[in-house]
Amino acid sequence: MKFSRKEIFTISNGISFLRFLLVIPLWFLLDNYESQSVRYLTFALCVFAAATDMLDGYLARKLNQVTEVGKIIDPLADKTAMAVVVIKLFLINEISTFYFLTIILRDLIIFIGGLFVSKKLGRVLPSNKLGKLTVLFIGSVVLMILIGINRENIIYQFIYILSIVLMYASLLAYIYRAMEFIKKKKNESI
């Protein structure tokens, strides 16, 4: 795929790129996780990242700037920011190995599958509502950890378990969707 300058340099892509830059302060802030003020600042940066995610999507549609570059950089920025926080929380023993591996393996499979599908189709599959819902619930778990919610709390437990179910469901849905798009493309070329 070849991209024009017009596709690359859009307001919404600039906002997505800003999320890439957030990984640096997020990583270093979590070195001081014991400090409640650091956890609150990290929480605020995560909420800011989520807000910029909604904003760049809104602006891309509103300004008619939905591009193949945006379909790549937006989810990649989201996954990078989320991965940095999840990895750091795992390294400081704030999330379990199971939860960590479920998030990372799901994202790796989707990323590698996305590269394969993009090569086959010549375009990027846009994210879907189930994937966005999954990230919302994973993000909710991470935010609750950052603000120190009791892990025995019924609300935390519900959101935690639902996020795991959604991770598996969204991965299966992504694989099914990718196979359908590839099959459709193959049938069109016959």
Protein backbone atom coordinates (compact mmCIF):
# COMPACT_ATOMS: atom_id res chain seq x y z
CA MET A 1 0.00 0.00 0.00
CA LYS A 2 1.19 3.45 -0.88
CA PHE A 3 -0.13 6.50 0.95
CA SER A 4 -0.34 10.11 -0.20
CA ARG A 5 0.66 13.06 1.98
CA LYS A 6 -3.01 14.06 2.08
CA GLU A 7 -3.90 10.68 3.62
CA ILE A 8 -1.10 10.86 6.18
CA PHE A 9 -1.27 14.46 7.37
CA THR A 10 -4.79 14.81 8.68
CA ILE A 11 -6.00 16.28 11.96
CA SER A 12 -7.35 12.92 13.12
CA ASN A 13 -4.06 11.14 12.33
CA GLY A 14 -2.20 13.86 14.25
CA ILE A 15 -4.38 13.20 17.28
CA SER A 16 -3.71 9.45 16.96
CA PHE A 17 0.01 10.18 16.78
CA LEU A 18 -0.33 12.18 20.01
CA ARG A 19 -1.53 8.96 21.67
CA PHE A 20 1.70 7.30 20.53
CA LEU A 21 3.63 9.99 22.37
CA LEU A 22 1.65 9.36 25.57
CA VAL A 23 3.32 5.96 25.97
CA ILE A 24 6.53 7.63 27.14
CA PRO A 25 5.12 9.44 30.19
CA LEU A 26 2.81 6.50 30.94
CA TRP A 27 5.74 4.08 31.09
CA PHE A 28 7.85 6.28 33.36
CA LEU A 29 4.98 7.38 35.59
CA LEU A 30 4.23 3.78 36.48
CA ASP A 31 7.78 3.42 37.84
CA ASN A 32 6.36 5.29 40.86
CA TYR A 33 3.14 3.28 41.13
CA GLU A 34 3.20 3.35 44.95
CA SER A 35 2.42 7.06 44.87
CA GLN A 36 -1.33 7.69 44.86
CA SER A 37 -0.85 10.99 43.00
CA VAL A 38 1.11 9.17 40.27
CA ARG A 39 -1.69 6.62 39.92
CA TYR A 40 -4.23 9.43 39.61
CA LEU A 41 -2.08 11.22 37.03
CA THR A 42 -1.72 7.97 35.08
CA PHE A 43 -5.49 7.51 35.35
CA ALA A 44 -6.00 11.04 33.95
CA LEU A 45 -3.61 10.37 31.05
CA CYS A 46 -5.46 7.14 30.23
CA VAL A 47 -8.79 8.99 30.25
CA PHE A 48 -7.21 11.67 28.04
CA ALA A 49 -6.01 8.95 25.62
CA ALA A 50 -9.55 7.51 25.49
CA ALA A 51 -10.98 10.97 24.83
CA THR A 52 -8.52 11.59 21.98
CA ASP A 53 -9.50 8.20 20.54
CA MET A 54 -13.14 9.27 20.41
CA LEU A 55 -12.18 12.72 19.11
CA ASP A 56 -10.00 11.50 16.25
CA GLY A 57 -12.71 9.08 15.08
CA TYR A 58 -15.33 11.82 15.24
CA LEU A 59 -13.12 14.29 13.36
CA ALA A 60 -12.15 11.74 10.72
CA ARG A 61 -15.82 11.15 9.91
CA LYS A 62 -16.91 14.79 10.31
CA LEU A 63 -14.07 16.20 8.16
CA ASN A 64 -14.26 13.31 5.69
CA GLN A 65 -10.70 12.26 6.60
CA VAL A 66 -11.26 8.53 6.99
CA THR A 67 -8.12 7.06 5.40
CA GLU A 68 -6.32 3.74 5.20
CA VAL A 69 -3.50 5.37 7.19
CA GLY A 70 -5.98 6.34 9.91
CA LYS A 71 -7.34 2.79 9.99
CA ILE A 72 -3.80 1.65 10.77
CA ILE A 73 -2.48 4.39 13.07
CA ASP A 74 -5.61 4.77 15.25
CA PRO A 75 -5.88 1.18 16.51
CA LEU A 76 -2.09 0.88 16.64
CA ALA A 77 -1.88 3.95 18.88
CA ASP A 78 -4.65 2.52 21.08
CA LYS A 79 -2.99 -0.87 21.33
CA THR A 80 0.43 0.65 22.03
CA ALA A 81 -0.87 2.87 24.84
CA MET A 82 -2.88 0.02 26.32
CA ALA A 83 0.04 -2.41 25.98
CA VAL A 84 2.44 -0.08 27.78
CA VAL A 85 0.12 0.29 30.76
CA VAL A 86 -0.76 -3.42 30.84
CA ILE A 87 2.89 -4.51 30.56
CA LYS A 88 3.93 -2.15 33.31
CA LEU A 89 1.07 -3.23 35.57
CA PHE A 90 2.06 -6.85 34.94
CA LEU A 91 5.71 -6.12 35.74
CA ILE A 92 4.74 -4.58 39.08
CA ASN A 93 2.37 -7.48 39.85
CA GLU A 94 -0.84 -5.49 39.60
CA ILE A 95 -2.42 -7.79 36.99
CA SER A 96 -2.26 -11.56 36.77
CA THR A 97 -0.20 -13.50 34.25
CA PHE A 98 -3.41 -14.97 32.81
CA TYR A 99 -4.99 -11.55 32.22
CA PHE A 100 -1.76 -10.15 30.83
CA LEU A 101 -1.26 -13.03 28.39
CA THR A 102 -4.90 -12.95 27.31
CA ILE A 103 -4.64 -9.27 26.37
CA ILE A 104 -1.24 -9.51 24.71
CA LEU A 105 -1.90 -12.72 22.76
CA ARG A 106 -5.28 -11.45 21.54
CA ASP A 107 -3.72 -8.22 20.32
CA LEU A 108 -0.79 -10.02 18.68
CA ILE A 109 -3.08 -12.43 16.85
CA ILE A 110 -5.28 -9.56 15.64
CA PHE A 111 -2.21 -7.51 14.62
CA ILE A 112 -0.56 -10.35 12.68
CA GLY A 113 -3.90 -11.39 11.21
CA GLY A 114 -4.51 -7.77 10.23
CA LEU A 115 -1.23 -7.67 8.32
CA PHE A 116 -2.16 -10.88 6.50
CA VAL A 117 -5.68 -9.66 5.69
CA SER A 118 -4.39 -6.27 4.54
CA LYS A 119 -1.99 -7.96 2.16
CA LYS A 120 -4.77 -10.20 0.79
CA LEU A 121 -7.39 -7.47 0.48
CA GLY A 122 -5.20 -4.46 -0.27
CA ARG A 123 -6.90 -2.54 2.51
CA VAL A 124 -7.24 -2.53 6.28
CA LEU A 125 -10.26 -4.03 8.02
CA PRO A 126 -11.81 -1.34 10.18
CA SER A 127 -12.38 -2.10 13.84
CA ASN A 128 -15.85 -3.22 14.80
CA LYS A 129 -18.17 -2.51 17.72
CA LEU A 130 -17.36 -5.74 19.56
CA GLY A 131 -13.64 -4.93 19.45
CA LYS A 132 -14.29 -1.40 20.71
CA LEU A 133 -16.51 -2.74 23.49
CA THR A 134 -13.77 -5.18 24.48
CA VAL A 135 -11.19 -2.40 24.72
CA LEU A 136 -13.66 -0.34 26.77
CA PHE A 137 -13.96 -3.14 29.34
CA ILE A 138 -10.22 -3.85 29.43
CA GLY A 139 -9.64 -0.14 29.89
CA SER A 140 -12.21 -0.07 32.69
CA VAL A 141 -10.36 -2.86 34.51
CA VAL A 142 -7.06 -1.00 34.10
CA LEU A 143 -8.58 2.27 35.33
CA MET A 144 -10.10 0.58 38.37
CA ILE A 145 -6.71 -0.93 39.19
CA LEU A 146 -5.08 2.50 38.86
CA ILE A 147 -7.47 4.14 41.30
CA GLY A 148 -7.16 1.25 43.73
CA ILE A 149 -10.63 -0.33 43.59
CA ASN A 150 -10.88 -3.37 45.85
CA ARG A 151 -10.48 -6.41 43.57
CA GLU A 152 -13.08 -8.31 45.62
CA ASN A 153 -15.67 -5.64 44.76
CA ILE A 154 -18.58 -7.20 42.82
CA ILE A 155 -18.50 -4.47 40.16
CA TYR A 156 -14.77 -4.99 39.59
CA GLN A 157 -15.26 -8.77 39.42
CA PHE A 158 -18.12 -8.42 36.92
CA ILE A 159 -16.20 -6.07 34.63
CA TYR A 160 -13.03 -8.18 34.92
CA ILE A 161 -14.80 -11.42 33.97
CA LEU A 162 -16.81 -9.72 31.22
CA SER A 163 -13.60 -8.26 29.76
CA ILE A 164 -12.12 -11.77 29.52
CA VAL A 165 -15.25 -13.15 27.83
CA LEU A 166 -15.23 -10.20 25.41
CA MET A 167 -11.53 -10.74 24.60
CA TYR A 168 -12.23 -14.29 23.44
CA ALA A 169 -15.48 -13.37 21.68
CA SER A 170 -13.93 -10.43 19.84
CA LEU A 171 -10.94 -12.51 18.75
CA LEU A 172 -13.22 -15.21 17.33
CA ALA A 173 -15.40 -12.56 15.67
CA TYR A 174 -12.32 -10.91 14.13
CA ILE A 175 -11.08 -14.23 12.73
CA TYR A 176 -14.54 -15.04 11.32
CA ARG A 177 -14.88 -11.55 9.81
CA ALA A 178 -11.42 -11.70 8.25
CA MET A 179 -12.16 -15.09 6.71
CA GLU A 180 -15.45 -13.78 5.29
CA PHE A 181 -13.73 -10.76 3.70
CA ILE A 182 -11.01 -12.96 2.20
CA LYS A 183 -13.61 -15.43 0.88
CA LYS A 184 -15.63 -12.57 -0.63
CA LYS A 185 -12.51 -11.12 -2.28
CA LYS A 186 -11.58 -14.55 -3.65
CA ASN A 187 -15.09 -15.01 -5.08
CA GLU A 188 -14.95 -11.58 -6.73
CA SER A 189 -11.71 -12.46 -8.50
CA ILE A 190 -13.11 -15.69 -9.97
